[in-house]
Amino acid sequence: MSRLPRVSGREAVRAFEKAGWQVIPRRGKGDHMILRKPGNPNVLSIPDHPLLGPGLLRSLIRLSGLTVEEFASLL
């Protein structure tokens, strides 16, 4: 298993968008970005933080159906 890259919330969102995820417009206050992908029942909630923790990032990658290597190649 390869090491997780250290990324911000916005960098993670850009990578997931390249994988086909779409950002849902914000419905009010808050610092989380919500992503959905057609055909995938999961919803990704990514905080707009300067640095995502490794546990959260690994969980988001797993929910998206990507591997760490695939995610790293999208950055």
PDB file of N, CA and C in Angstrom:
ATOM      1  N   MET A   1       0.848  -1.171   0.000  1.00  0.00           N
ATOM      2  CA  MET A   1       0.000   0.000   0.000  1.00  0.00           C
ATOM      3  C   MET A   1       0.895   1.236   0.000  1.00  0.00           C
ATOM      4  N   SER A   2       0.583   2.193  -0.852  1.00  0.00           N
ATOM      5  CA  SER A   2       1.427   3.381  -0.944  1.00  0.00           C
ATOM      6  C   SER A   2       1.008   4.420   0.097  1.00  0.00           C
ATOM      7  N   ARG A   3       1.892   5.376   0.305  1.00  0.00           N
ATOM      8  CA  ARG A   3       1.626   6.437   1.269  1.00  0.00           C
ATOM      9  C   ARG A   3       0.549   7.372   0.734  1.00  0.00           C
ATOM     10  N   LEU A   4      -0.239   7.884   1.660  1.00  0.00           N
ATOM     11  CA  LEU A   4      -1.254   8.861   1.292  1.00  0.00           C
ATOM     12  C   LEU A   4      -0.603  10.211   1.016  1.00  0.00           C
ATOM     13  N   PRO A   5      -1.034  10.890  -0.025  1.00  0.00           N
ATOM     14  CA  PRO A   5      -0.521  12.242  -0.251  1.00  0.00           C
ATOM     15  C   PRO A   5      -1.130  13.207   0.769  1.00  0.00           C
ATOM     16  N   ARG A   6      -0.436  14.270   1.087  1.00  0.00           N
ATOM     17  CA  ARG A   6      -0.943  15.304   1.984  1.00  0.00           C
ATOM     18  C   ARG A   6      -1.598  16.370   1.112  1.00  0.00           C
ATOM     19  N   VAL A   7      -2.916  16.507   1.228  1.00  0.00           N
ATOM     20  CA  VAL A   7      -3.646  17.431   0.361  1.00  0.00           C
ATOM     21  C   VAL A   7      -4.622  18.272   1.171  1.00  0.00           C
ATOM     22  N   SER A   8      -4.995  19.405   0.605  1.00  0.00           N
ATOM     23  CA  SER A   8      -6.027  20.244   1.204  1.00  0.00           C
ATOM     24  C   SER A   8      -7.394  19.739   0.740  1.00  0.00           C
ATOM     25  N   GLY A   9      -8.442  20.280   1.332  1.00  0.00           N
ATOM     26  CA  GLY A   9      -9.786  19.902   0.920  1.00  0.00           C
ATOM     27  C   GLY A   9     -10.065  20.251  -0.528  1.00  0.00           C
ATOM     28  N   ARG A  10      -9.599  21.418  -0.961  1.00  0.00           N
ATOM     29  CA  ARG A  10      -9.843  21.848  -2.345  1.00  0.00           C
ATOM     30  C   ARG A  10      -9.074  20.993  -3.347  1.00  0.00           C
ATOM     31  N   GLU A  11      -7.853  20.593  -2.992  1.00  0.00           N
ATOM     32  CA  GLU A  11      -7.084  19.715  -3.882  1.00  0.00           C
ATOM     33  C   GLU A  11      -7.776  18.360  -4.013  1.00  0.00           C
ATOM     34  N   ALA A  12      -8.327  17.858  -2.904  1.00  0.00           N
ATOM     35  CA  ALA A  12      -9.043  16.582  -2.941  1.00  0.00           C
ATOM     36  C   ALA A  12     -10.281  16.689  -3.825  1.00  0.00           C
ATOM     37  N   VAL A  13     -11.012  17.795  -3.706  1.00  0.00           N
ATOM     38  CA  VAL A  13     -12.212  17.988  -4.526  1.00  0.00           C
ATOM     39  C   VAL A  13     -11.846  17.995  -6.007  1.00  0.00           C
ATOM     40  N   ARG A  14     -10.772  18.689  -6.385  1.00  0.00           N
ATOM     41  CA  ARG A  14     -10.349  18.718  -7.793  1.00  0.00           C
ATOM     42  C   ARG A  14     -10.011  17.313  -8.295  1.00  0.00           C
ATOM     43  N   ALA A  15      -9.362  16.510  -7.454  1.00  0.00           N
ATOM     44  CA  ALA A  15      -9.013  15.148  -7.857  1.00  0.00           C
ATOM     45  C   ALA A  15     -10.274  14.303  -8.040  1.00  0.00           C
ATOM     46  N   PHE A  16     -11.222  14.418  -7.107  1.00  0.00           N
ATOM     47  CA  PHE A  16     -12.457  13.640  -7.230  1.00  0.00           C
ATOM     48  C   PHE A  16     -13.278  14.103  -8.433  1.00  0.00           C
ATOM     49  N   GLU A  17     -13.240  15.387  -8.765  1.00  0.00           N
ATOM     50  CA  GLU A  17     -13.947  15.867  -9.958  1.00  0.00           C
ATOM     51  C   GLU A  17     -13.367  15.232 -11.217  1.00  0.00           C
ATOM     52  N   LYS A  18     -12.070  15.041 -11.263  1.00  0.00           N
ATOM     53  CA  LYS A  18     -11.447  14.372 -12.412  1.00  0.00           C
ATOM     54  C   LYS A  18     -11.911  12.925 -12.524  1.00  0.00           C
ATOM     55  N   ALA A  19     -12.307  12.330 -11.387  1.00  0.00           N
ATOM     56  CA  ALA A  19     -12.783  10.947 -11.375  1.00  0.00           C
ATOM     57  C   ALA A  19     -14.282  10.853 -11.643  1.00  0.00           C
ATOM     58  N   GLY A  20     -14.939  11.984 -11.931  1.00  0.00           N
ATOM     59  CA  GLY A  20     -16.354  11.948 -12.287  1.00  0.00           C
ATOM     60  C   GLY A  20     -17.309  12.402 -11.205  1.00  0.00           C
ATOM     61  N   TRP A  21     -16.820  12.817 -10.042  1.00  0.00           N
ATOM     62  CA  TRP A  21     -17.677  13.304  -8.961  1.00  0.00           C
ATOM     63  C   TRP A  21     -18.066  14.744  -9.253  1.00  0.00           C
ATOM     64  N   GLN A  22     -19.270  15.135  -8.822  1.00  0.00           N
ATOM     65  CA  GLN A  22     -19.771  16.485  -9.059  1.00  0.00           C
ATOM     66  C   GLN A  22     -20.027  17.178  -7.730  1.00  0.00           C
ATOM     67  N   VAL A  23     -19.627  18.443  -7.648  1.00  0.00           N
ATOM     68  CA  VAL A  23     -19.859  19.235  -6.439  1.00  0.00           C
ATOM     69  C   VAL A  23     -21.306  19.700  -6.438  1.00  0.00           C
ATOM     70  N   ILE A  24     -21.993  19.472  -5.320  1.00  0.00           N
ATOM     71  CA  ILE A  24     -23.371  19.922  -5.153  1.00  0.00           C
ATOM     72  C   ILE A  24     -23.319  21.356  -4.613  1.00  0.00           C
ATOM     73  N   PRO A  25     -24.094  22.281  -5.178  1.00  0.00           N
ATOM     74  CA  PRO A  25     -24.064  23.667  -4.685  1.00  0.00           C
ATOM     75  C   PRO A  25     -24.389  23.734  -3.193  1.00  0.00           C
ATOM     76  N   ARG A  26     -23.733  24.662  -2.517  1.00  0.00           N
ATOM     77  CA  ARG A  26     -23.945  24.823  -1.072  1.00  0.00           C
ATOM     78  C   ARG A  26     -25.369  25.288  -0.810  1.00  0.00           C
ATOM     79  N   ARG A  27     -25.920  24.798   0.304  1.00  0.00           N
ATOM     80  CA  ARG A  27     -27.293  25.138   0.660  1.00  0.00           C
ATOM     81  C   ARG A  27     -27.351  26.077   1.860  1.00  0.00           C
ATOM     82  N   GLY A  28     -26.230  26.612   2.253  1.00  0.00           N
ATOM     83  CA  GLY A  28     -26.225  27.499   3.416  1.00  0.00           C
ATOM     84  C   GLY A  28     -24.823  27.655   3.937  1.00  0.00           C
ATOM     85  N   LYS A  29     -24.720  27.889   5.221  1.00  0.00           N
ATOM     86  CA  LYS A  29     -23.410  28.070   5.833  1.00  0.00           C
ATOM     87  C   LYS A  29     -22.693  26.733   5.948  1.00  0.00           C
ATOM     88  N   GLY A  30     -21.411  26.816   6.196  1.00  0.00           N
ATOM     89  CA  GLY A  30     -20.651  25.595   6.414  1.00  0.00           C
ATOM     90  C   GLY A  30     -19.400  25.562   5.573  1.00  0.00           C
ATOM     91  N   ASP A  31     -18.448  24.764   6.022  1.00  0.00           N
ATOM     92  CA  ASP A  31     -17.171  24.700   5.317  1.00  0.00           C
ATOM     93  C   ASP A  31     -16.944  23.343   4.674  1.00  0.00           C
ATOM     94  N   HIS A  32     -18.018  22.594   4.422  1.00  0.00           N
ATOM     95  CA  HIS A  32     -17.883  21.292   3.780  1.00  0.00           C
ATOM     96  C   HIS A  32     -18.404  21.356   2.349  1.00  0.00           C
ATOM     97  N   MET A  33     -17.713  20.663   1.453  1.00  0.00           N
ATOM     98  CA  MET A  33     -18.148  20.549   0.066  1.00  0.00           C
ATOM     99  C   MET A  33     -18.727  19.145  -0.113  1.00  0.00           C
ATOM    100  N   ILE A  34     -19.889  19.064  -0.720  1.00  0.00           N
ATOM    101  CA  ILE A  34     -20.590  17.799  -0.903  1.00  0.00           C
ATOM    102  C   ILE A  34     -20.428  17.369  -2.359  1.00  0.00           C
ATOM    103  N   LEU A  35     -20.033  16.109  -2.554  1.00  0.00           N
ATOM    104  CA  LEU A  35     -19.844  15.580  -3.904  1.00  0.00           C
ATOM    105  C   LEU A  35     -20.706  14.339  -4.097  1.00  0.00           C
ATOM    106  N   ARG A  36     -21.264  14.219  -5.297  1.00  0.00           N
ATOM    107  CA  ARG A  36     -22.031  13.033  -5.691  1.00  0.00           C
ATOM    108  C   ARG A  36     -21.541  12.572  -7.050  1.00  0.00           C
ATOM    109  N   LYS A  37     -21.749  11.284  -7.302  1.00  0.00           N
ATOM    110  CA  LYS A  37     -21.393  10.725  -8.604  1.00  0.00           C
ATOM    111  C   LYS A  37     -22.584   9.924  -9.111  1.00  0.00           C
ATOM    112  N   PRO A  38     -23.029  10.189 -10.329  1.00  0.00           N
ATOM    113  CA  PRO A  38     -24.142   9.417 -10.878  1.00  0.00           C
ATOM    114  C   PRO A  38     -23.819   7.923 -10.867  1.00  0.00           C
ATOM    115  N   GLY A  39     -24.757   7.136 -10.376  1.00  0.00           N
ATOM    116  CA  GLY A  39     -24.570   5.697 -10.327  1.00  0.00           C
ATOM    117  C   GLY A  39     -23.885   5.201  -9.072  1.00  0.00           C
ATOM    118  N   ASN A  40     -23.435   6.107  -8.209  1.00  0.00           N
ATOM    119  CA  ASN A  40     -22.777   5.719  -6.961  1.00  0.00           C
ATOM    120  C   ASN A  40     -23.658   6.195  -5.808  1.00  0.00           C
ATOM    121  N   PRO A  41     -24.070   5.295  -4.905  1.00  0.00           N
ATOM    122  CA  PRO A  41     -24.969   5.701  -3.822  1.00  0.00           C
ATOM    123  C   PRO A  41     -24.287   6.530  -2.730  1.00  0.00           C
ATOM    124  N   ASN A  42     -22.964   6.571  -2.710  1.00  0.00           N
ATOM    125  CA  ASN A  42     -22.251   7.287  -1.655  1.00  0.00           C
ATOM    126  C   ASN A  42     -22.199   8.787  -1.926  1.00  0.00           C
ATOM    127  N   VAL A  43     -22.097   9.544  -0.848  1.00  0.00           N
ATOM    128  CA  VAL A  43     -21.932  10.991  -0.907  1.00  0.00           C
ATOM    129  C   VAL A  43     -20.650  11.316  -0.164  1.00  0.00           C
ATOM    130  N   LEU A  44     -19.802  12.151  -0.756  1.00  0.00           N
ATOM    131  CA  LEU A  44     -18.555  12.551  -0.108  1.00  0.00           C
ATOM    132  C   LEU A  44     -18.730  13.943   0.482  1.00  0.00           C
ATOM    133  N   SER A  45     -18.402  14.095   1.752  1.00  0.00           N
ATOM    134  CA  SER A  45     -18.443  15.382   2.431  1.00  0.00           C
ATOM    135  C   SER A  45     -17.010  15.750   2.788  1.00  0.00           C
ATOM    136  N   ILE A  46     -16.468  16.753   2.095  1.00  0.00           N
ATOM    137  CA  ILE A  46     -15.057  17.103   2.242  1.00  0.00           C
ATOM    138  C   ILE A  46     -14.946  18.480   2.877  1.00  0.00           C
ATOM    139  N   PRO A  47     -14.283  18.588   4.035  1.00  0.00           N
ATOM    140  CA  PRO A  47     -14.125  19.901   4.661  1.00  0.00           C
ATOM    141  C   PRO A  47     -13.150  20.769   3.875  1.00  0.00           C
ATOM    142  N   ASP A  48     -13.405  22.064   3.871  1.00  0.00           N
ATOM    143  CA  ASP A  48     -12.537  23.017   3.176  1.00  0.00           C
ATOM    144  C   ASP A  48     -11.425  23.438   4.134  1.00  0.00           C
ATOM    145  N   HIS A  49     -10.561  22.495   4.474  1.00  0.00           N
ATOM    146  CA  HIS A  49      -9.464  22.719   5.413  1.00  0.00           C
ATOM    147  C   HIS A  49      -8.139  22.766   4.661  1.00  0.00           C
ATOM    148  N   PRO A  50      -7.130  23.417   5.247  1.00  0.00           N
ATOM    149  CA  PRO A  50      -5.824  23.492   4.582  1.00  0.00           C
ATOM    150  C   PRO A  50      -5.132  22.140   4.446  1.00  0.00           C
ATOM    151  N   LEU A  51      -5.456  21.200   5.318  1.00  0.00           N
ATOM    152  CA  LEU A  51      -4.831  19.880   5.262  1.00  0.00           C
ATOM    153  C   LEU A  51      -5.811  18.843   5.801  1.00  0.00           C
ATOM    154  N   LEU A  52      -6.081  17.797   5.015  1.00  0.00           N
ATOM    155  CA  LEU A  52      -6.975  16.723   5.454  1.00  0.00           C
ATOM    156  C   LEU A  52      -6.169  15.682   6.216  1.00  0.00           C
ATOM    157  N   GLY A  53      -6.759  15.149   7.268  1.00  0.00           N
ATOM    158  CA  GLY A  53      -6.102  14.105   8.039  1.00  0.00           C
ATOM    159  C   GLY A  53      -6.022  12.814   7.243  1.00  0.00           C
ATOM    160  N   PRO A  54      -5.049  11.969   7.565  1.00  0.00           N
ATOM    161  CA  PRO A  54      -4.881  10.731   6.798  1.00  0.00           C
ATOM    162  C   PRO A  54      -6.064   9.774   6.922  1.00  0.00           C
ATOM    163  N   GLY A  55      -6.685   9.695   8.089  1.00  0.00           N
ATOM    164  CA  GLY A  55      -7.833   8.801   8.260  1.00  0.00           C
ATOM    165  C   GLY A  55      -9.022   9.245   7.429  1.00  0.00           C
ATOM    166  N   LEU A  56      -9.291  10.546   7.440  1.00  0.00           N
ATOM    167  CA  LEU A  56     -10.397  11.083   6.651  1.00  0.00           C
ATOM    168  C   LEU A  56     -10.146  10.885   5.164  1.00  0.00           C
ATOM    169  N   LEU A  57      -8.935  11.178   4.723  1.00  0.00           N
ATOM    170  CA  LEU A  57      -8.616  11.037   3.299  1.00  0.00           C
ATOM    171  C   LEU A  57      -8.740   9.587   2.850  1.00  0.00           C
ATOM    172  N   ARG A  58      -8.236   8.657   3.654  1.00  0.00           N
ATOM    173  CA  ARG A  58      -8.340   7.237   3.303  1.00  0.00           C
ATOM    174  C   ARG A  58      -9.809   6.815   3.232  1.00  0.00           C
ATOM    175  N   SER A  59     -10.630   7.304   4.147  1.00  0.00           N
ATOM    176  CA  SER A  59     -12.054   6.980   4.141  1.00  0.00           C
ATOM    177  C   SER A  59     -12.742   7.532   2.891  1.00  0.00           C
ATOM    178  N   LEU A  60     -12.416   8.764   2.512  1.00  0.00           N
ATOM    179  CA  LEU A  60     -13.002   9.356   1.306  1.00  0.00           C
ATOM    180  C   LEU A  60     -12.602   8.579   0.057  1.00  0.00           C
ATOM    181  N   ILE A  61     -11.339   8.184  -0.007  1.00  0.00           N
ATOM    182  CA  ILE A  61     -10.861   7.414  -1.162  1.00  0.00           C
ATOM    183  C   ILE A  61     -11.587   6.075  -1.231  1.00  0.00           C
ATOM    184  N   ARG A  62     -11.755   5.428  -0.092  1.00  0.00           N
ATOM    185  CA  ARG A  62     -12.438   4.134  -0.050  1.00  0.00           C
ATOM    186  C   ARG A  62     -13.904   4.285  -0.471  1.00  0.00           C
ATOM    187  N   LEU A  63     -14.588   5.326   0.037  1.00  0.00           N
ATOM    188  CA  LEU A  63     -15.986   5.549  -0.333  1.00  0.00           C
ATOM    189  C   LEU A  63     -16.149   5.839  -1.825  1.00  0.00           C
ATOM    190  N   SER A  64     -15.156   6.486  -2.408  1.00  0.00           N
ATOM    191  CA  SER A  64     -15.247   6.840  -3.827  1.00  0.00           C
ATOM    192  C   SER A  64     -15.018   5.644  -4.743  1.00  0.00           C
ATOM    193  N   GLY A  65     -14.467   4.563  -4.200  1.00  0.00           N
ATOM    194  CA  GLY A  65     -14.198   3.386  -5.020  1.00  0.00           C
ATOM    195  C   GLY A  65     -12.844   3.421  -5.701  1.00  0.00           C
ATOM    196  N   LEU A  66     -12.010   4.395  -5.354  1.00  0.00           N
ATOM    197  CA  LEU A  66     -10.670   4.503  -5.929  1.00  0.00           C
ATOM    198  C   LEU A  66      -9.647   3.824  -5.025  1.00  0.00           C
ATOM    199  N   THR A  67      -8.475   3.583  -5.563  1.00  0.00           N
ATOM    200  CA  THR A  67      -7.346   3.147  -4.746  1.00  0.00           C
ATOM    201  C   THR A  67      -6.489   4.380  -4.452  1.00  0.00           C
ATOM    202  N   VAL A  68      -5.579   4.253  -3.500  1.00  0.00           N
ATOM    203  CA  VAL A  68      -4.686   5.364  -3.167  1.00  0.00           C
ATOM    204  C   VAL A  68      -3.854   5.752  -4.384  1.00  0.00           C
ATOM    205  N   GLU A  69      -3.394   4.758  -5.138  1.00  0.00           N
ATOM    206  CA  GLU A  69      -2.586   5.034  -6.325  1.00  0.00           C
ATOM    207  C   GLU A  69      -3.391   5.792  -7.382  1.00  0.00           C
ATOM    208  N   GLU A  70      -4.649   5.377  -7.598  1.00  0.00           N
ATOM    209  CA  GLU A  70      -5.500   6.062  -8.574  1.00  0.00           C
ATOM    210  C   GLU A  70      -5.755   7.504  -8.143  1.00  0.00           C
ATOM    211  N   PHE A  71      -6.024   7.692  -6.847  1.00  0.00           N
ATOM    212  CA  PHE A  71      -6.261   9.043  -6.342  1.00  0.00           C
ATOM    213  C   PHE A  71      -5.019   9.911  -6.525  1.00  0.00           C
ATOM    214  N   ALA A  72      -3.861   9.374  -6.191  1.00  0.00           N
ATOM    215  CA  ALA A  72      -2.613  10.137  -6.311  1.00  0.00           C
ATOM    216  C   ALA A  72      -2.349  10.528  -7.764  1.00  0.00           C
ATOM    217  N   SER A  73      -2.730   9.675  -8.700  1.00  0.00           N
ATOM    218  CA  SER A  73      -2.496  10.003 -10.113  1.00  0.00           C
ATOM    219  C   SER A  73      -3.427  11.115 -10.601  1.00  0.00           C
ATOM    220  N   LEU A  74      -4.537  11.339  -9.894  1.00  0.00           N
ATOM    221  CA  LEU A  74      -5.485  12.387 -10.280  1.00  0.00           C
ATOM    222  C   LEU A  74      -5.093  13.759  -9.746  1.00  0.00           C
ATOM    223  N   LEU A  75      -4.142  13.801  -8.828  1.00  0.00           N
ATOM    224  CA  LEU A  75      -3.727  15.088  -8.242  1.00  0.00           C
ATOM    225  C   LEU A  75      -2.937  15.922  -9.226  1.00  0.00           C
TER     226      LEU A  75
END
